[in-house]
């Protein structure tokens, strides 16, 4: 398992970290638009479109517009597959816990528990202090 770390973050910091890891996850899976990062840039829409054009380089075995699943299933590159699975567990659990802490009653996909797989490793422990 390796060494364990404890990190304290404010809610905006945790949300920023979740968004950054989600961009990384989706990029590696073939959704190369980097939506969260591009959303804060002046030319974000154009940049996102240009990044989308990189998809065939990131996922050369997939057709245009396709991506690997949340756990990297089907990805022939073992390092890429593991990074997809691990980053999913991180961003998804961060977002899940932020959603639960918000107390909103409207349905969100992030209210359901985070999926896990062997390559993704353990879920991070995220709790509100």
C-alpha atoms as a PDB file:
ATOM      1  CA  UNK A   1       0.000   0.000   0.000  1.00  0.00           C
ATOM      2  CA  UNK A   2       2.829   2.427   0.687  1.00  0.00           C
ATOM      3  CA  UNK A   3       3.006   5.420   2.995  1.00  0.00           C
ATOM      4  CA  UNK A   4      -0.149   7.355   3.894  1.00  0.00           C
ATOM      5  CA  UNK A   5      -0.511  11.158   3.783  1.00  0.00           C
ATOM      6  CA  UNK A   6      -2.977  13.583   5.309  1.00  0.00           C
ATOM      7  CA  UNK A   7      -3.786  16.802   3.459  1.00  0.00           C
ATOM      8  CA  UNK A   8      -6.111  19.564   4.677  1.00  0.00           C
ATOM      9  CA  UNK A   9      -7.822  21.621   1.985  1.00  0.00           C
ATOM     10  CA  UNK A  10     -10.500  24.274   1.892  1.00  0.00           C
ATOM     11  CA  UNK A  11     -13.600  23.437  -0.130  1.00  0.00           C
ATOM     12  CA  UNK A  12     -12.521  25.617  -3.088  1.00  0.00           C
ATOM     13  CA  UNK A  13      -9.093  23.933  -3.050  1.00  0.00           C
ATOM     14  CA  UNK A  14     -10.658  20.458  -3.026  1.00  0.00           C
ATOM     15  CA  UNK A  15     -12.985  21.392  -5.895  1.00  0.00           C
ATOM     16  CA  UNK A  16     -10.026  22.779  -7.895  1.00  0.00           C
ATOM     17  CA  UNK A  17      -8.051  19.587  -7.259  1.00  0.00           C
ATOM     18  CA  UNK A  18     -11.045  17.436  -8.283  1.00  0.00           C
ATOM     19  CA  UNK A  19     -11.458  19.433 -11.505  1.00  0.00           C
ATOM     20  CA  UNK A  20      -7.744  19.215 -12.333  1.00  0.00           C
ATOM     21  CA  UNK A  21      -7.648  15.453 -11.784  1.00  0.00           C
ATOM     22  CA  UNK A  22     -10.868  15.048 -13.788  1.00  0.00           C
ATOM     23  CA  UNK A  23      -9.281  16.907 -16.739  1.00  0.00           C
ATOM     24  CA  UNK A  24      -6.209  14.654 -16.476  1.00  0.00           C
ATOM     25  CA  UNK A  25      -8.389  11.518 -16.270  1.00  0.00           C
ATOM     26  CA  UNK A  26     -10.565  12.467 -19.222  1.00  0.00           C
ATOM     27  CA  UNK A  27      -7.534  13.533 -21.301  1.00  0.00           C
ATOM     28  CA  UNK A  28      -5.846  10.162 -20.808  1.00  0.00           C
ATOM     29  CA  UNK A  29      -9.100   8.342 -21.599  1.00  0.00           C
ATOM     30  CA  UNK A  30      -9.464  10.232 -24.893  1.00  0.00           C
ATOM     31  CA  UNK A  31     -11.662  13.185 -23.930  1.00  0.00           C
ATOM     32  CA  UNK A  32      -8.822  15.622 -24.551  1.00  0.00           C
ATOM     33  CA  UNK A  33     -10.751  18.908 -24.304  1.00  0.00           C
ATOM     34  CA  UNK A  34      -9.478  19.818 -20.777  1.00  0.00           C
ATOM     35  CA  UNK A  35     -12.887  21.398 -20.089  1.00  0.00           C
ATOM     36  CA  UNK A  36     -12.234  22.671 -16.566  1.00  0.00           C
ATOM     37  CA  UNK A  37      -8.899  24.285 -17.423  1.00  0.00           C
ATOM     38  CA  UNK A  38     -10.210  25.811 -20.647  1.00  0.00           C
ATOM     39  CA  UNK A  39     -13.272  27.231 -18.878  1.00  0.00           C
ATOM     40  CA  UNK A  40     -11.098  29.831 -17.108  1.00  0.00           C
ATOM     41  CA  UNK A  41      -9.160  30.964 -20.193  1.00  0.00           C
ATOM     42  CA  UNK A  42     -10.004  33.855 -22.509  1.00  0.00           C
ATOM     43  CA  UNK A  43      -9.802  31.626 -25.594  1.00  0.00           C
ATOM     44  CA  UNK A  44     -10.991  28.496 -23.821  1.00  0.00           C
ATOM     45  CA  UNK A  45     -13.519  27.344 -26.402  1.00  0.00           C
ATOM     46  CA  UNK A  46     -11.007  27.550 -29.254  1.00  0.00           C
ATOM     47  CA  UNK A  47      -8.319  25.878 -27.161  1.00  0.00           C
ATOM     48  CA  UNK A  48     -10.692  23.110 -26.102  1.00  0.00           C
ATOM     49  CA  UNK A  49     -11.538  22.455 -29.751  1.00  0.00           C
ATOM     50  CA  UNK A  50      -7.851  22.306 -30.668  1.00  0.00           C
ATOM     51  CA  UNK A  51      -7.160  19.927 -27.791  1.00  0.00           C
ATOM     52  CA  UNK A  52     -10.021  17.708 -28.950  1.00  0.00           C
ATOM     53  CA  UNK A  53      -8.145  17.285 -32.230  1.00  0.00           C
ATOM     54  CA  UNK A  54      -5.347  15.536 -30.274  1.00  0.00           C
ATOM     55  CA  UNK A  55      -7.608  12.607 -29.363  1.00  0.00           C
ATOM     56  CA  UNK A  56      -6.212  10.281 -32.079  1.00  0.00           C
ATOM     57  CA  UNK A  57      -2.704  10.740 -30.638  1.00  0.00           C
ATOM     58  CA  UNK A  58      -3.874   9.947 -27.094  1.00  0.00           C
ATOM     59  CA  UNK A  59      -6.093   6.994 -28.053  1.00  0.00           C
ATOM     60  CA  UNK A  60      -4.782   5.841 -31.462  1.00  0.00           C
ATOM     61  CA  UNK A  61      -6.650   2.522 -31.366  1.00  0.00           C
ATOM     62  CA  UNK A  62     -10.037   4.233 -30.944  1.00  0.00           C
ATOM     63  CA  UNK A  63     -12.210   5.932 -33.528  1.00  0.00           C
ATOM     64  CA  UNK A  64     -12.523   9.711 -33.534  1.00  0.00           C
ATOM     65  CA  UNK A  65     -14.620  10.889 -30.593  1.00  0.00           C
ATOM     66  CA  UNK A  66     -14.322   7.603 -28.683  1.00  0.00           C
ATOM     67  CA  UNK A  67     -12.713   7.201 -25.270  1.00  0.00           C
ATOM     68  CA  UNK A  68     -11.761   4.459 -22.839  1.00  0.00           C
ATOM     69  CA  UNK A  69     -14.040   3.669 -19.930  1.00  0.00           C
ATOM     70  CA  UNK A  70     -13.647   5.075 -16.411  1.00  0.00           C
ATOM     71  CA  UNK A  71     -11.316   2.208 -15.448  1.00  0.00           C
ATOM     72  CA  UNK A  72      -9.231   2.340 -18.624  1.00  0.00           C
ATOM     73  CA  UNK A  73     -10.864  -0.830 -19.925  1.00  0.00           C
ATOM     74  CA  UNK A  74      -9.626  -1.689 -23.397  1.00  0.00           C
ATOM     75  CA  UNK A  75      -6.583   0.572 -23.218  1.00  0.00           C
ATOM     76  CA  UNK A  76      -3.567  -1.388 -24.526  1.00  0.00           C
ATOM     77  CA  UNK A  77      -1.005   0.859 -22.779  1.00  0.00           C
ATOM     78  CA  UNK A  78      -0.718  -0.496 -19.236  1.00  0.00           C
ATOM     79  CA  UNK A  79       0.654   2.752 -17.791  1.00  0.00           C
ATOM     80  CA  UNK A  80      -2.092   4.832 -19.398  1.00  0.00           C
ATOM     81  CA  UNK A  81      -4.757   2.306 -18.295  1.00  0.00           C
ATOM     82  CA  UNK A  82      -3.575   2.407 -14.668  1.00  0.00           C
ATOM     83  CA  UNK A  83      -3.402   6.233 -14.677  1.00  0.00           C
ATOM     84  CA  UNK A  84      -6.971   6.367 -16.027  1.00  0.00           C
ATOM     85  CA  UNK A  85      -8.235   4.023 -13.310  1.00  0.00           C
ATOM     86  CA  UNK A  86      -6.340   5.725 -10.469  1.00  0.00           C
ATOM     87  CA  UNK A  87      -7.315   9.245 -11.491  1.00  0.00           C
ATOM     88  CA  UNK A  88     -10.986   8.247 -11.769  1.00  0.00           C
ATOM     89  CA  UNK A  89     -11.003   7.056  -8.147  1.00  0.00           C
ATOM     90  CA  UNK A  90      -9.464  10.335  -7.020  1.00  0.00           C
ATOM     91  CA  UNK A  91     -11.553  12.930  -8.844  1.00  0.00           C
ATOM     92  CA  UNK A  92     -14.769  10.956  -8.541  1.00  0.00           C
ATOM     93  CA  UNK A  93     -14.456  10.438  -4.780  1.00  0.00           C
ATOM     94  CA  UNK A  94     -13.499  14.086  -4.227  1.00  0.00           C
ATOM     95  CA  UNK A  95     -16.571  15.179  -6.188  1.00  0.00           C
ATOM     96  CA  UNK A  96     -18.773  12.581  -4.479  1.00  0.00           C
ATOM     97  CA  UNK A  97     -17.831  13.859  -1.023  1.00  0.00           C
ATOM     98  CA  UNK A  98     -18.260  17.515  -2.057  1.00  0.00           C
ATOM     99  CA  UNK A  99     -21.738  16.669  -3.383  1.00  0.00           C
ATOM    100  CA  UNK A 100     -22.739  14.869  -0.188  1.00  0.00           C
ATOM    101  CA  UNK A 101     -21.438  17.742   1.951  1.00  0.00           C
ATOM    102  CA  UNK A 102     -23.418  20.283  -0.059  1.00  0.00           C
ATOM    103  CA  UNK A 103     -26.685  18.886   1.298  1.00  0.00           C
ATOM    104  CA  UNK A 104     -28.514  19.630  -1.965  1.00  0.00           C
ATOM    105  CA  UNK A 105     -31.600  17.520  -2.462  1.00  0.00           C
ATOM    106  CA  UNK A 106     -31.598  17.569  -6.282  1.00  0.00           C
ATOM    107  CA  UNK A 107     -30.273  14.417  -7.929  1.00  0.00           C
ATOM    108  CA  UNK A 108     -26.664  14.307  -9.040  1.00  0.00           C
ATOM    109  CA  UNK A 109     -24.736  11.347 -10.428  1.00  0.00           C
ATOM    110  CA  UNK A 110     -22.106  12.213  -7.806  1.00  0.00           C
ATOM    111  CA  UNK A 111     -24.462  11.229  -4.966  1.00  0.00           C
ATOM    112  CA  UNK A 112     -23.880   7.554  -5.748  1.00  0.00           C
ATOM    113  CA  UNK A 113     -20.764   5.801  -4.435  1.00  0.00           C
ATOM    114  CA  UNK A 114     -17.558   5.884  -6.492  1.00  0.00           C
ATOM    115  CA  UNK A 115     -16.863   2.791  -8.568  1.00  0.00           C
ATOM    116  CA  UNK A 116     -13.648   0.951  -7.834  1.00  0.00           C
ATOM    117  CA  UNK A 117     -11.435  -1.545  -9.620  1.00  0.00           C
ATOM    118  CA  UNK A 118      -8.187  -3.304  -8.812  1.00  0.00           C
ATOM    119  CA  UNK A 119      -6.019  -1.028 -10.979  1.00  0.00           C
ATOM    120  CA  UNK A 120      -7.606   2.090  -9.463  1.00  0.00           C
ATOM    121  CA  UNK A 121      -6.399   1.207  -5.985  1.00  0.00           C
ATOM    122  CA  UNK A 122      -8.021   2.339  -2.778  1.00  0.00           C
ATOM    123  CA  UNK A 123     -10.385   5.281  -2.648  1.00  0.00           C
ATOM    124  CA  UNK A 124      -8.954   8.341  -0.940  1.00  0.00           C
ATOM    125  CA  UNK A 125     -10.358   9.119   2.487  1.00  0.00           C
ATOM    126  CA  UNK A 126     -12.159  12.452   2.205  1.00  0.00           C
ATOM    127  CA  UNK A 127     -14.109  13.832   5.128  1.00  0.00           C
ATOM    128  CA  UNK A 128     -15.415  17.202   6.195  1.00  0.00           C
ATOM    129  CA  UNK A 129     -13.882  18.488   9.439  1.00  0.00           C
END
